[in-house]
Amino acid sequence: MIVAREGCSIPTIFATHGEEYFRAAEAEAVRLLALKHGDVIATGGGLPCRPGMPEALRELGTVVWLGATSRASTRAPSARASGPMLAGRTRADAEALYRAREPFYRRADLSVDTSALGPDQVAARVALLLAERARGAGAARAAGA
C-alpha cells in the first residue's frame, strides 16, 4: 500500500524522507486497513514494534508471526529480502535487530517457524492453525451457551 501510494520503493522512501516518515505511512496504512475485511496483511518487521501497533493489528484480526530460528532469519539476506533497516548492516547487526524485535513478535496470536518450510508449506501450516483456532473458538462459544 505504501509503495503504491508513494510511487517508489521502501528503501527509496527511507533514503528520501527518513524512517519516521515511513513509520507514519505504516500507521496510516494500518488505520486504512480497518476498512477492509477478510484479507491477509503482511507487514514489515518494524511495524509490530511501534507503540500501539500490536493492538491495532489485533483489532484487524488474527496476528500470525512467520518466524525463523535466529540463525535462519539473519543469514546474509538477499537484496530483495533485506529491508532498509538492514541495508549495509552486518550479520551481527541483523541478529541484534532480530533479538530486539522478537519480544514484540512473540505477542502474535499464532506463530509458525518457517526455517525449514517452503512457501506452500508455510501457507498450509497457517491455514491449519487458523482452522484449529476457529474450531476452538466455536467450541468455547458452544460451551458457554
Protein backbone atom coordinates (compact mmCIF):
# COMPACT_ATOMS: atom_id res chain seq x y z
CA MET A 1 0.00 0.00 0.00
CA ILE A 2 2.76 2.40 0.93
CA VAL A 3 4.80 1.72 -2.21
CA ALA A 4 1.71 2.23 -4.38
CA ARG A 5 0.78 5.47 -2.63
CA GLU A 6 4.30 6.91 -2.65
CA GLY A 7 5.19 5.69 -6.13
CA CYS A 8 8.61 4.43 -5.05
CA SER A 9 10.26 1.59 -3.16
CA ILE A 10 10.54 1.38 0.61
CA PRO A 11 14.35 1.85 0.53
CA THR A 12 13.79 5.00 -1.55
CA ILE A 13 11.22 6.27 0.95
CA PHE A 14 13.72 5.70 3.77
CA ALA A 15 16.52 7.41 1.83
CA THR A 16 14.40 10.35 0.72
CA HIS A 17 12.13 11.00 3.68
CA GLY A 18 13.59 9.00 6.59
CA GLU A 19 12.33 6.30 8.91
CA GLU A 20 9.84 8.45 10.84
CA TYR A 21 8.05 9.42 7.61
CA PHE A 22 7.86 5.75 6.64
CA ARG A 23 6.58 4.74 10.10
CA ALA A 24 3.86 7.39 9.88
CA ALA A 25 2.89 5.99 6.47
CA GLU A 26 2.73 2.50 8.02
CA ALA A 27 0.45 3.73 10.80
CA GLU A 28 -1.84 5.36 8.23
CA ALA A 29 -1.92 2.14 6.20
CA VAL A 30 -2.96 0.16 9.30
CA ARG A 31 -5.69 2.70 10.00
CA LEU A 32 -6.99 2.35 6.44
CA LEU A 33 -6.86 -1.44 6.64
CA ALA A 34 -9.54 -1.32 9.34
CA LEU A 35 -11.95 -0.61 6.48
CA LYS A 36 -11.17 -3.99 4.87
CA HIS A 37 -12.21 -7.49 5.92
CA GLY A 38 -11.03 -10.99 5.06
CA ASP A 39 -7.62 -10.01 3.73
CA VAL A 40 -4.15 -11.19 4.62
CA ILE A 41 -1.92 -8.31 5.64
CA ALA A 42 1.85 -8.68 5.51
CA THR A 43 3.73 -6.04 7.47
CA GLY A 44 7.36 -5.12 7.60
CA GLY A 45 9.37 -6.30 10.58
CA GLY A 46 9.34 -2.99 12.42
CA LEU A 47 5.61 -2.28 12.40
CA PRO A 48 4.63 -4.64 15.27
CA CYS A 49 7.32 -3.00 17.43
CA ARG A 50 5.85 0.51 17.26
CA PRO A 51 3.67 1.87 20.08
CA GLY A 52 0.02 0.96 19.58
CA MET A 53 0.62 -1.18 16.51
CA PRO A 54 0.28 -4.64 18.15
CA GLU A 55 -3.15 -3.62 19.41
CA ALA A 56 -4.12 -2.07 16.07
CA LEU A 57 -3.11 -5.24 14.23
CA ARG A 58 -5.01 -7.43 16.67
CA GLU A 59 -8.14 -5.33 16.09
CA LEU A 60 -7.84 -6.16 12.38
CA GLY A 61 -7.83 -9.91 13.02
CA THR A 62 -5.60 -12.81 13.97
CA VAL A 63 -1.93 -11.90 14.08
CA VAL A 64 0.42 -14.59 12.78
CA TRP A 65 4.19 -14.41 13.22
CA LEU A 66 6.09 -16.13 10.44
CA GLY A 67 9.37 -16.55 12.27
CA ALA A 68 12.55 -18.43 11.82
CA THR A 69 15.31 -19.53 14.08
CA SER A 70 17.64 -16.62 14.67
CA ARG A 71 20.36 -18.21 12.53
CA ALA A 72 17.98 -18.74 9.60
CA SER A 73 16.47 -15.28 9.88
CA THR A 74 19.78 -13.44 9.92
CA ARG A 75 21.66 -15.19 7.14
CA ALA A 76 23.07 -12.77 4.64
CA PRO A 77 19.77 -11.56 3.21
CA SER A 78 19.23 -11.19 -0.49
CA ALA A 79 18.78 -7.71 -1.87
CA ARG A 80 15.06 -8.40 -2.31
CA ALA A 81 14.53 -9.74 1.20
CA SER A 82 16.55 -7.19 3.12
CA GLY A 83 14.69 -4.13 4.21
CA PRO A 84 16.08 -0.65 4.69
CA MET A 85 16.84 -1.37 8.34
CA LEU A 86 19.39 -4.00 7.22
CA ALA A 87 20.91 -2.13 4.29
CA GLY A 88 24.68 -2.03 4.74
CA ARG A 89 24.50 -3.79 8.10
CA THR A 90 26.49 -6.80 9.27
CA ARG A 91 25.11 -10.17 10.25
CA ALA A 92 25.71 -9.18 13.90
CA ASP A 93 23.61 -6.04 13.33
CA ALA A 94 20.83 -8.16 11.82
CA GLU A 95 20.93 -10.56 14.78
CA ALA A 96 20.77 -7.67 17.27
CA LEU A 97 17.80 -6.15 15.44
CA TYR A 98 16.02 -9.52 15.40
CA ARG A 99 16.65 -10.04 19.13
CA ALA A 100 15.29 -6.57 19.89
CA ARG A 101 12.14 -7.19 17.86
CA GLU A 102 11.48 -10.80 18.88
CA PRO A 103 9.58 -9.99 22.13
CA PHE A 104 7.09 -8.00 20.05
CA TYR A 105 6.75 -10.80 17.50
CA ARG A 106 6.06 -13.33 20.27
CA ARG A 107 2.88 -11.39 21.13
CA ALA A 108 1.26 -12.72 17.94
CA ASP A 109 -1.81 -14.90 18.31
CA LEU A 110 -0.17 -17.68 16.31
CA SER A 111 3.37 -18.40 15.18
CA VAL A 112 4.94 -20.61 12.53
CA ASP A 113 8.64 -21.45 12.39
CA THR A 114 9.38 -21.10 8.69
CA SER A 115 13.04 -22.15 8.89
CA ALA A 116 12.66 -25.45 7.07
CA LEU A 117 9.44 -24.78 5.15
CA GLY A 118 8.70 -23.71 1.61
CA PRO A 119 6.01 -21.11 0.85
CA ASP A 120 3.27 -23.70 0.24
CA GLN A 121 4.12 -25.45 3.50
CA VAL A 122 4.01 -22.16 5.39
CA ALA A 123 0.60 -21.34 3.91
CA ALA A 124 -0.71 -24.82 4.78
CA ARG A 125 0.57 -24.54 8.36
CA VAL A 126 -1.04 -21.12 8.80
CA ALA A 127 -4.34 -22.39 7.36
CA LEU A 128 -4.28 -25.36 9.75
CA LEU A 129 -3.59 -23.16 12.78
CA LEU A 130 -6.34 -20.73 11.79
CA ALA A 131 -8.80 -23.61 11.36
CA GLU A 132 -7.84 -25.04 14.76
CA ARG A 133 -8.26 -21.62 16.33
CA ALA A 134 -11.70 -21.20 14.75
CA ARG A 135 -12.77 -24.65 15.96
CA GLY A 136 -11.56 -23.79 19.47
CA ALA A 137 -13.48 -20.50 19.46
CA GLY A 138 -16.59 -22.28 18.21
CA ALA A 139 -16.31 -24.92 20.95
CA ALA A 140 -15.84 -22.22 23.59
CA ARG A 141 -18.97 -20.39 22.39
CA ALA A 142 -20.97 -23.62 22.40
CA ALA A 143 -19.81 -24.44 25.94
CA GLY A 144 -20.88 -21.00 27.14
CA ALA A 145 -24.32 -21.27 25.55
